C-alpha atoms as a PDB file:
ATOM      1  CA  MET A   1      -4.743 -12.432 -17.692  1.00  0.00           C
ATOM      2  CA  SER A   2      -7.393 -14.189 -19.772  1.00  0.00           C
ATOM      3  CA  ALA A   3      -9.591 -12.428 -22.115  1.00  0.00           C
ATOM      4  CA  LYS A   4     -13.291 -11.533 -21.738  1.00  0.00           C
ATOM      5  CA  VAL A   5     -14.705 -13.013 -24.928  1.00  0.00           C
ATOM      6  CA  ILE A   6     -17.750 -11.227 -26.316  1.00  0.00           C
ATOM      7  CA  CYS A   7     -19.574 -12.337 -29.409  1.00  0.00           C
ATOM      8  CA  VAL A   8     -21.801  -9.847 -31.357  1.00  0.00           C
ATOM      9  CA  THR A   9     -24.640 -11.402 -33.103  1.00  0.00           C
ATOM     10  CA  ASN A  10     -28.243 -10.905 -34.373  1.00  0.00           C
ATOM     11  CA  GLN A  11     -29.607 -13.253 -37.126  1.00  0.00           C
ATOM     12  CA  LYS A  12     -30.990 -10.250 -38.997  1.00  0.00           C
ATOM     13  CA  GLY A  13     -28.665  -8.417 -41.178  1.00  0.00           C
ATOM     14  CA  GLY A  14     -28.287  -4.664 -41.484  1.00  0.00           C
ATOM     15  CA  VAL A  15     -28.694  -3.993 -37.756  1.00  0.00           C
ATOM     16  CA  GLY A  16     -25.304  -2.430 -37.123  1.00  0.00           C
ATOM     17  CA  LYS A  17     -23.723  -5.629 -35.866  1.00  0.00           C
ATOM     18  CA  THR A  18     -20.290  -5.221 -37.632  1.00  0.00           C
ATOM     19  CA  THR A  19     -20.240  -1.501 -36.887  1.00  0.00           C
ATOM     20  CA  THR A  20     -20.761  -2.175 -33.226  1.00  0.00           C
ATOM     21  CA  ALA A  21     -18.136  -4.907 -33.141  1.00  0.00           C
ATOM     22  CA  VAL A  22     -15.619  -2.720 -34.842  1.00  0.00           C
ATOM     23  CA  ASN A  23     -16.232   0.520 -32.784  1.00  0.00           C
ATOM     24  CA  LEU A  24     -16.519  -1.358 -29.389  1.00  0.00           C
ATOM     25  CA  SER A  25     -13.075  -2.944 -30.228  1.00  0.00           C
ATOM     26  CA  TYR A  26     -11.667   0.410 -31.116  1.00  0.00           C
ATOM     27  CA  TYR A  27     -12.777   2.185 -27.881  1.00  0.00           C
ATOM     28  CA  LEU A  28     -11.702  -0.735 -25.759  1.00  0.00           C
ATOM     29  CA  ALA A  29      -8.221  -0.418 -27.228  1.00  0.00           C
ATOM     30  CA  LYS A  30      -8.406   3.483 -26.778  1.00  0.00           C
ATOM     31  CA  ASP A  31      -9.160   2.695 -23.193  1.00  0.00           C
ATOM     32  CA  LYS A  32      -5.912   0.874 -23.032  1.00  0.00           C
ATOM     33  CA  HIS A  33      -7.356  -2.695 -23.032  1.00  0.00           C
ATOM     34  CA  LYS A  34      -5.435  -5.043 -25.364  1.00  0.00           C
ATOM     35  CA  THR A  35      -8.186  -6.002 -27.830  1.00  0.00           C
ATOM     36  CA  LEU A  36      -8.676  -8.639 -30.629  1.00  0.00           C
ATOM     37  CA  LEU A  37     -11.440  -8.364 -33.062  1.00  0.00           C
ATOM     38  CA  VAL A  38     -12.131 -11.748 -34.673  1.00  0.00           C
ATOM     39  CA  ASP A  39     -14.003 -11.414 -37.987  1.00  0.00           C
ATOM     40  CA  PHE A  40     -16.021 -14.593 -38.174  1.00  0.00           C
ATOM     41  CA  ASP A  41     -18.472 -13.465 -40.734  1.00  0.00           C
ATOM     42  CA  PRO A  42     -17.821 -14.649 -44.284  1.00  0.00           C
ATOM     43  CA  GLN A  43     -18.909 -11.145 -45.457  1.00  0.00           C
ATOM     44  CA  GLY A  44     -15.701 -10.046 -43.965  1.00  0.00           C
ATOM     45  CA  ASN A  45     -17.049  -6.397 -43.390  1.00  0.00           C
ATOM     46  CA  ALA A  46     -15.218  -5.984 -40.143  1.00  0.00           C
ATOM     47  CA  SER A  47     -11.947  -6.608 -42.177  1.00  0.00           C
ATOM     48  CA  SER A  48     -12.669  -4.209 -44.884  1.00  0.00           C
ATOM     49  CA  GLY A  49     -14.142  -1.726 -42.436  1.00  0.00           C
ATOM     50  CA  LEU A  50     -10.635  -1.588 -40.980  1.00  0.00           C
ATOM     51  CA  GLY A  51      -8.997  -0.994 -44.369  1.00  0.00           C
ATOM     52  CA  LEU A  52      -8.067  -4.523 -45.219  1.00  0.00           C
ATOM     53  CA  ASP A  53      -8.025  -5.562 -48.880  1.00  0.00           C
ATOM     54  CA  LYS A  54      -9.690  -8.987 -48.889  1.00  0.00           C
ATOM     55  CA  THR A  55      -8.879  -9.487 -52.646  1.00  0.00           C
ATOM     56  CA  ASP A  56      -5.080  -9.338 -52.295  1.00  0.00           C
ATOM     57  CA  LYS A  57      -4.414 -12.860 -51.413  1.00  0.00           C
ATOM     58  CA  LYS A  58      -0.630 -12.668 -51.242  1.00  0.00           C
ATOM     59  CA  LYS A  59      -0.730  -9.688 -48.990  1.00  0.00           C
ATOM     60  CA  LEU A  60      -3.527 -11.075 -47.019  1.00  0.00           C
ATOM     61  CA  GLY A  61      -1.886 -14.056 -45.351  1.00  0.00           C
ATOM     62  CA  PRO A  62      -3.668 -16.572 -43.214  1.00  0.00           C
ATOM     63  CA  THR A  63      -7.301 -15.763 -42.170  1.00  0.00           C
ATOM     64  CA  MET A  64     -10.055 -17.279 -40.015  1.00  0.00           C
ATOM     65  CA  THR A  65     -10.763 -19.732 -42.752  1.00  0.00           C
ATOM     66  CA  GLU A  66      -7.393 -21.462 -42.228  1.00  0.00           C
ATOM     67  CA  VAL A  67      -7.825 -21.330 -38.420  1.00  0.00           C
ATOM     68  CA  LEU A  68     -11.079 -22.975 -38.796  1.00  0.00           C
ATOM     69  CA  LEU A  69      -9.858 -25.811 -40.996  1.00  0.00           C
ATOM     70  CA  GLY A  70      -7.032 -26.331 -38.554  1.00  0.00           C
ATOM     71  CA  GLN A  71      -4.354 -25.422 -41.240  1.00  0.00           C
ATOM     72  CA  THR A  72      -2.853 -22.576 -39.183  1.00  0.00           C
ATOM     73  CA  SER A  73      -2.755 -21.265 -35.598  1.00  0.00           C
ATOM     74  CA  MET A  74      -4.747 -18.484 -34.342  1.00  0.00           C
ATOM     75  CA  GLN A  75      -1.699 -16.515 -33.595  1.00  0.00           C
ATOM     76  CA  ASP A  76      -0.549 -16.674 -37.289  1.00  0.00           C
ATOM     77  CA  ALA A  77      -3.916 -15.246 -38.489  1.00  0.00           C
ATOM     78  CA  ILE A  78      -3.680 -12.169 -36.135  1.00  0.00           C
ATOM     79  CA  ARG A  79      -2.245  -8.913 -37.415  1.00  0.00           C
ATOM     80  CA  PRO A  80      -2.031  -5.391 -35.807  1.00  0.00           C
ATOM     81  CA  THR A  81      -4.279  -2.680 -36.987  1.00  0.00           C
ATOM     82  CA  LYS A  82      -2.948   0.952 -37.166  1.00  0.00           C
ATOM     83  CA  TYR A  83      -4.409   1.439 -33.695  1.00  0.00           C
ATOM     84  CA  LYS A  84      -2.423   0.826 -30.570  1.00  0.00           C
ATOM     85  CA  SER A  85      -3.584  -2.165 -28.584  1.00  0.00           C
ATOM     86  CA  PHE A  86      -6.116  -3.270 -31.367  1.00  0.00           C
ATOM     87  CA  ASP A  87      -5.360  -6.491 -33.421  1.00  0.00           C
ATOM     88  CA  LEU A  88      -7.568  -8.074 -36.056  1.00  0.00           C
ATOM     89  CA  ALA A  89      -8.024 -11.699 -37.175  1.00  0.00           C
ATOM     90  CA  PRO A  90      -9.623 -11.256 -40.609  1.00  0.00           C
ATOM     91  CA  ALA A  91     -12.104 -13.198 -42.738  1.00  0.00           C
ATOM     92  CA  THR A  92     -12.791 -13.503 -46.381  1.00  0.00           C
ATOM     93  CA  PRO A  93     -15.947 -14.956 -48.174  1.00  0.00           C
ATOM     94  CA  GLU A  94     -13.907 -18.348 -48.198  1.00  0.00           C
ATOM     95  CA  LEU A  95     -14.978 -18.850 -44.676  1.00  0.00           C
ATOM     96  CA  ALA A  96     -18.375 -19.954 -45.967  1.00  0.00           C
ATOM     97  CA  ASN A  97     -16.755 -22.890 -47.763  1.00  0.00           C
ATOM     98  CA  ALA A  98     -14.811 -23.717 -44.743  1.00  0.00           C
ATOM     99  CA  GLU A  99     -17.853 -23.944 -42.661  1.00  0.00           C
ATOM    100  CA  VAL A 100     -19.343 -26.475 -45.224  1.00  0.00           C
ATOM    101  CA  GLU A 101     -16.036 -28.428 -45.238  1.00  0.00           C
ATOM    102  CA  ILE A 102     -16.025 -28.961 -41.404  1.00  0.00           C
ATOM    103  CA  THR A 103     -19.729 -29.987 -41.163  1.00  0.00           C
ATOM    104  CA  SER A 104     -18.846 -33.654 -41.102  1.00  0.00           C
ATOM    105  CA  GLN A 105     -15.699 -33.416 -39.051  1.00  0.00           C
ATOM    106  CA  PRO A 106     -15.103 -33.925 -35.459  1.00  0.00           C
ATOM    107  CA  ARG A 107     -15.028 -31.077 -32.892  1.00  0.00           C
ATOM    108  CA  LYS A 108     -16.884 -28.885 -35.538  1.00  0.00           C
ATOM    109  CA  PHE A 109     -18.616 -26.722 -32.692  1.00  0.00           C
ATOM    110  CA  ILE A 110     -15.593 -25.980 -30.590  1.00  0.00           C
ATOM    111  CA  ARG A 111     -12.995 -24.995 -33.165  1.00  0.00           C
ATOM    112  CA  LEU A 112     -13.168 -21.293 -32.526  1.00  0.00           C
ATOM    113  CA  ARG A 113     -13.148 -21.917 -28.645  1.00  0.00           C
ATOM    114  CA  ASP A 114      -9.867 -23.944 -29.001  1.00  0.00           C
ATOM    115  CA  ALA A 115      -8.370 -21.388 -31.275  1.00  0.00           C
ATOM    116  CA  ILE A 116      -9.191 -18.528 -28.883  1.00  0.00           C
ATOM    117  CA  ARG A 117      -7.866 -20.370 -25.962  1.00  0.00           C
ATOM    118  CA  GLN A 118      -4.406 -20.376 -27.610  1.00  0.00           C
ATOM    119  CA  ILE A 119      -4.237 -16.627 -27.485  1.00  0.00           C
ATOM    120  CA  ALA A 120      -6.685 -15.552 -24.752  1.00  0.00           C
ATOM    121  CA  GLY A 121      -3.830 -14.824 -22.341  1.00  0.00           C
ATOM    122  CA  ASN A 122      -2.430 -12.036 -24.579  1.00  0.00           C
ATOM    123  CA  TYR A 123      -5.704 -10.002 -24.525  1.00  0.00           C
ATOM    124  CA  ASP A 124      -8.110  -8.324 -22.113  1.00  0.00           C
ATOM    125  CA  TYR A 125     -10.907  -8.455 -24.640  1.00  0.00           C
ATOM    126  CA  VAL A 126     -11.777 -10.657 -27.638  1.00  0.00           C
ATOM    127  CA  ILE A 127     -14.620  -9.435 -29.710  1.00  0.00           C
ATOM    128  CA  ILE A 128     -16.143 -11.899 -32.349  1.00  0.00           C
ATOM    129  CA  ASP A 129     -18.321 -10.454 -35.220  1.00  0.00           C
ATOM    130  CA  LEU A 130     -20.551 -13.361 -36.067  1.00  0.00           C
ATOM    131  CA  PRO A 131     -22.654 -13.976 -39.278  1.00  0.00           C
ATOM    132  CA  PRO A 132     -26.315 -12.672 -39.364  1.00  0.00           C
ATOM    133  CA  SER A 133     -27.630 -16.173 -39.301  1.00  0.00           C
ATOM    134  CA  LEU A 134     -28.031 -19.281 -37.059  1.00  0.00           C
ATOM    135  CA  SER A 135     -25.237 -21.276 -38.392  1.00  0.00           C
ATOM    136  CA  LEU A 136     -22.172 -23.587 -37.440  1.00  0.00           C
ATOM    137  CA  LEU A 137     -20.041 -20.338 -37.234  1.00  0.00           C
ATOM    138  CA  THR A 138     -22.562 -18.772 -34.920  1.00  0.00           C
ATOM    139  CA  VAL A 139     -22.699 -21.665 -32.687  1.00  0.00           C
ATOM    140  CA  ASN A 140     -18.926 -21.758 -32.612  1.00  0.00           C
ATOM    141  CA  GLY A 141     -18.931 -18.168 -31.547  1.00  0.00           C
ATOM    142  CA  MET A 142     -21.390 -18.712 -28.748  1.00  0.00           C
ATOM    143  CA  ILE A 143     -19.516 -21.780 -27.423  1.00  0.00           C
ATOM    144  CA  ALA A 144     -16.191 -19.691 -27.573  1.00  0.00           C
ATOM    145  CA  SER A 145     -17.685 -16.582 -25.663  1.00  0.00           C
ATOM    146  CA  ASN A 146     -18.341 -15.477 -22.059  1.00  0.00           C
ATOM    147  CA  TYR A 147     -20.857 -12.974 -23.277  1.00  0.00           C
ATOM    148  CA  LEU A 148     -23.367 -12.428 -26.068  1.00  0.00           C
ATOM    149  CA  LEU A 149     -24.070  -8.832 -27.216  1.00  0.00           C
ATOM    150  CA  LEU A 150     -27.225  -8.274 -29.124  1.00  0.00           C
ATOM    151  CA  PRO A 151     -27.502  -5.078 -31.387  1.00  0.00           C
ATOM    152  CA  VAL A 152     -31.238  -4.518 -32.220  1.00  0.00           C
ATOM    153  CA  GLN A 153     -32.140  -1.744 -34.721  1.00  0.00           C
ATOM    154  CA  THR A 154     -35.051   0.486 -33.569  1.00  0.00           C
ATOM    155  CA  GLU A 155     -37.225  -0.204 -36.645  1.00  0.00           C
ATOM    156  CA  PHE A 156     -40.251  -2.173 -37.557  1.00  0.00           C
ATOM    157  CA  TYR A 157     -39.679  -6.044 -37.236  1.00  0.00           C
ATOM    158  CA  ALA A 158     -36.708  -5.409 -34.817  1.00  0.00           C
ATOM    159  CA  LEU A 159     -37.636  -8.150 -32.372  1.00  0.00           C
ATOM    160  CA  GLU A 160     -38.418 -10.650 -35.097  1.00  0.00           C
ATOM    161  CA  GLY A 161     -36.024 -13.553 -34.931  1.00  0.00           C
ATOM    162  CA  VAL A 162     -34.571 -12.417 -31.642  1.00  0.00           C
ATOM    163  CA  ALA A 163     -36.645 -15.032 -29.647  1.00  0.00           C
ATOM    164  CA  GLN A 164     -35.155 -17.723 -31.836  1.00  0.00           C
ATOM    165  CA  LEU A 165     -31.593 -16.460 -31.304  1.00  0.00           C
ATOM    166  CA  LEU A 166     -32.068 -16.487 -27.469  1.00  0.00           C
ATOM    167  CA  GLU A 167     -33.489 -20.044 -27.699  1.00  0.00           C
ATOM    168  CA  SER A 168     -30.273 -21.145 -29.568  1.00  0.00           C
ATOM    169  CA  MET A 169     -28.257 -19.301 -26.832  1.00  0.00           C
ATOM    170  CA  LYS A 170     -30.203 -21.292 -24.225  1.00  0.00           C
ATOM    171  CA  LEU A 171     -29.444 -24.534 -26.014  1.00  0.00           C
ATOM    172  CA  VAL A 172     -25.655 -23.689 -26.276  1.00  0.00           C
ATOM    173  CA  MET A 173     -25.743 -22.931 -22.409  1.00  0.00           C
ATOM    174  CA  LYS A 174     -27.334 -26.280 -21.672  1.00  0.00           C
ATOM    175  CA  GLN A 175     -25.266 -28.356 -24.048  1.00  0.00           C
ATOM    176  CA  ALA A 176     -21.749 -26.776 -24.426  1.00  0.00           C
ATOM    177  CA  ASN A 177     -21.219 -23.449 -22.645  1.00  0.00           C
ATOM    178  CA  PRO A 178     -23.028 -22.998 -19.256  1.00  0.00           C
ATOM    179  CA  ASN A 179     -20.956 -19.793 -18.612  1.00  0.00           C
ATOM    180  CA  LEU A 180     -22.404 -17.877 -21.593  1.00  0.00           C
ATOM    181  CA  ARG A 181     -24.525 -14.960 -20.617  1.00  0.00           C
ATOM    182  CA  LEU A 182     -26.340 -12.129 -22.358  1.00  0.00           C
ATOM    183  CA  LEU A 183     -24.214  -9.079 -21.778  1.00  0.00           C
ATOM    184  CA  GLY A 184     -27.111  -6.906 -23.118  1.00  0.00           C
ATOM    185  CA  VAL A 185     -29.021  -5.349 -25.981  1.00  0.00           C
ATOM    186  CA  VAL A 186     -27.945  -2.266 -27.647  1.00  0.00           C
ATOM    187  CA  ALA A 187     -30.528  -0.241 -29.676  1.00  0.00           C
ATOM    188  CA  THR A 188     -29.033   0.974 -32.970  1.00  0.00           C
ATOM    189  CA  MET A 189     -30.007   3.194 -35.875  1.00  0.00           C
ATOM    190  CA  TYR A 190     -32.099   5.195 -33.357  1.00  0.00           C
ATOM    191  CA  ASP A 191     -33.814   8.270 -34.684  1.00  0.00           C
ATOM    192  CA  LYS A 192     -35.337  10.312 -31.966  1.00  0.00           C
ATOM    193  CA  ARG A 193     -37.334  12.348 -34.444  1.00  0.00           C
ATOM    194  CA  THR A 194     -39.629   9.418 -35.282  1.00  0.00           C
ATOM    195  CA  SER A 195     -42.268   7.912 -33.114  1.00  0.00           C
ATOM    196  CA  LEU A 196     -41.332   4.484 -34.445  1.00  0.00           C
ATOM    197  CA  SER A 197     -37.920   4.714 -33.013  1.00  0.00           C
ATOM    198  CA  SER A 198     -39.190   5.546 -29.746  1.00  0.00           C
ATOM    199  CA  GLN A 199     -41.899   2.877 -29.713  1.00  0.00           C
ATOM    200  CA  VAL A 200     -39.476   0.190 -30.702  1.00  0.00           C
ATOM    201  CA  LEU A 201     -37.085   1.299 -27.945  1.00  0.00           C
ATOM    202  CA  GLN A 202     -39.829   1.076 -25.302  1.00  0.00           C
ATOM    203  CA  GLU A 203     -40.512  -2.497 -26.676  1.00  0.00           C
ATOM    204  CA  ILE A 204     -36.926  -3.425 -26.337  1.00  0.00           C
ATOM    205  CA  LYS A 205     -36.782  -1.977 -22.750  1.00  0.00           C
ATOM    206  CA  LYS A 206     -40.052  -3.815 -21.781  1.00  0.00           C
ATOM    207  CA  TYR A 207     -38.676  -7.026 -23.199  1.00  0.00           C
ATOM    208  CA  PHE A 208     -35.124  -6.978 -21.942  1.00  0.00           C
ATOM    209  CA  LYS A 209     -35.553  -4.610 -18.952  1.00  0.00           C
ATOM    210  CA  ASP A 210     -32.083  -3.845 -17.202  1.00  0.00           C
ATOM    211  CA  LEU A 211     -30.244  -5.773 -19.964  1.00  0.00           C
ATOM    212  CA  THR A 212     -30.970  -2.805 -22.334  1.00  0.00           C
ATOM    213  CA  PHE A 213     -28.058  -0.508 -22.509  1.00  0.00           C
ATOM    214  CA  LYS A 214     -28.596   3.097 -21.573  1.00  0.00           C
ATOM    215  CA  THR A 215     -26.755   4.413 -24.492  1.00  0.00           C
ATOM    216  CA  THR A 216     -28.562   4.243 -27.914  1.00  0.00           C
ATOM    217  CA  ILE A 217     -26.579   4.273 -31.184  1.00  0.00           C
ATOM    218  CA  PRO A 218     -28.112   6.980 -33.432  1.00  0.00           C
ATOM    219  CA  ARG A 219     -28.748   6.856 -36.976  1.00  0.00           C
ATOM    220  CA  ASN A 220     -25.724   8.964 -38.113  1.00  0.00           C
ATOM    221  CA  VAL A 221     -24.053   9.743 -41.547  1.00  0.00           C
ATOM    222  CA  ARG A 222     -20.653   9.585 -40.054  1.00  0.00           C
ATOM    223  CA  VAL A 223     -21.085   6.182 -38.730  1.00  0.00           C
ATOM    224  CA  ALA A 224     -22.273   4.949 -42.034  1.00  0.00           C
ATOM    225  CA  GLU A 225     -19.489   6.695 -44.050  1.00  0.00           C
ATOM    226  CA  ALA A 226     -16.441   5.443 -41.804  1.00  0.00           C
ATOM    227  CA  PRO A 227     -16.259   1.884 -43.065  1.00  0.00           C
ATOM    228  CA  SER A 228     -15.965   2.912 -46.635  1.00  0.00           C
ATOM    229  CA  HIS A 229     -12.796   4.861 -45.576  1.00  0.00           C
ATOM    230  CA  GLY A 230     -11.615   1.746 -43.767  1.00  0.00           C
ATOM    231  CA  VAL A 231     -11.722   3.245 -40.298  1.00  0.00           C
ATOM    232  CA  PRO A 232     -13.881   3.076 -37.044  1.00  0.00           C
ATOM    233  CA  VAL A 233     -16.033   6.115 -36.596  1.00  0.00           C
ATOM    234  CA  GLY A 234     -13.985   7.413 -33.572  1.00  0.00           C
ATOM    235  CA  ALA A 235     -10.961   7.739 -36.132  1.00  0.00           C
ATOM    236  CA  TYR A 236     -13.046   9.287 -38.834  1.00  0.00           C
ATOM    237  CA  ASP A 237     -14.842  11.844 -36.843  1.00  0.00           C
ATOM    238  CA  LYS A 238     -14.376  11.686 -33.258  1.00  0.00           C
ATOM    239  CA  PHE A 239     -16.690  14.399 -32.510  1.00  0.00           C
ATOM    240  CA  SER A 240     -19.741  13.042 -34.370  1.00  0.00           C
ATOM    241  CA  LYS A 241     -22.811  11.857 -32.532  1.00  0.00           C
ATOM    242  CA  GLY A 242     -22.029   8.303 -33.510  1.00  0.00           C
ATOM    243  CA  ALA A 243     -18.645   8.227 -32.134  1.00  0.00           C
ATOM    244  CA  LYS A 244     -19.672   9.803 -28.845  1.00  0.00           C
ATOM    245  CA  ALA A 245     -22.453   7.184 -28.654  1.00  0.00           C
ATOM    246  CA  TYR A 246     -20.009   4.284 -29.166  1.00  0.00           C
ATOM    247  CA  ARG A 247     -17.600   5.791 -26.612  1.00  0.00           C
ATOM    248  CA  ASP A 248     -20.405   5.891 -24.021  1.00  0.00           C
ATOM    249  CA  PHE A 249     -21.616   2.446 -24.879  1.00  0.00           C
ATOM    250  CA  THR A 250     -17.958   0.903 -24.528  1.00  0.00           C
ATOM    251  CA  LYS A 251     -17.890   2.458 -21.109  1.00  0.00           C
ATOM    252  CA  GLU A 252     -21.120   0.502 -20.243  1.00  0.00           C
ATOM    253  CA  VAL A 253     -19.670  -2.676 -21.647  1.00  0.00           C
ATOM    254  CA  GLU A 254     -16.458  -2.194 -19.561  1.00  0.00           C
ATOM    255  CA  GLU A 255     -18.644  -1.737 -16.437  1.00  0.00           C
ATOM    256  CA  ARG A 256     -20.868  -4.909 -17.124  1.00  0.00           C
ATOM    257  CA  THR A 257     -17.666  -6.997 -17.644  1.00  0.00           C
ATOM    258  CA  LYS A 258     -15.727  -5.938 -14.709  1.00  0.00           C
END
């Protein structure tokens, strides 16, 4: 078995990118797929969203910082979460310094790809949570992946910057990873009570057509609360609208990556 690698990215922050990466990973694991979530965002929100204390250096052990710098193997940075079939490779804010450090070093664009290749045989899915910027880390993520997943919030300015991201994706495909493809666009923070949300969703569908996932992720209090408790929404309140949406969305991802 070799893992299907999906990077989750949008150069705009606050679009539900990390929430999508965490909950997709959780539901893939619930569906008995061995899943690894790679936190490759220096904010480390996916790590803290799964209850990891990023400040406790002694307890933390190796993270993606050491992997990127070539100081440890990917395997050593991986730890199990409290959920069956769901592992995490965590990140801390030091990852931003590591990014600067490797700027002038060889193989700077393919370090993540090389690291994931070491462990790809152990997993069905590897989900990479990328930073909300077009950076060296983002390019590493695109080169390491089979698929790019784009969460877009149904709010004003939603599609701003998306064209630039897709241009970067095309460049990566041309120069370094011809196998990369857009898995699809998932509309997040959808509020069916507002006409703005509906308008933006129509705009997304017009722009991305069949690549738009049928499931929309609603604006939901439970989804917002779950990370502060260090758990995915499915573990926090599995009957909430947000949990149901992420469960349905995961089924669509499984279907598209068959």
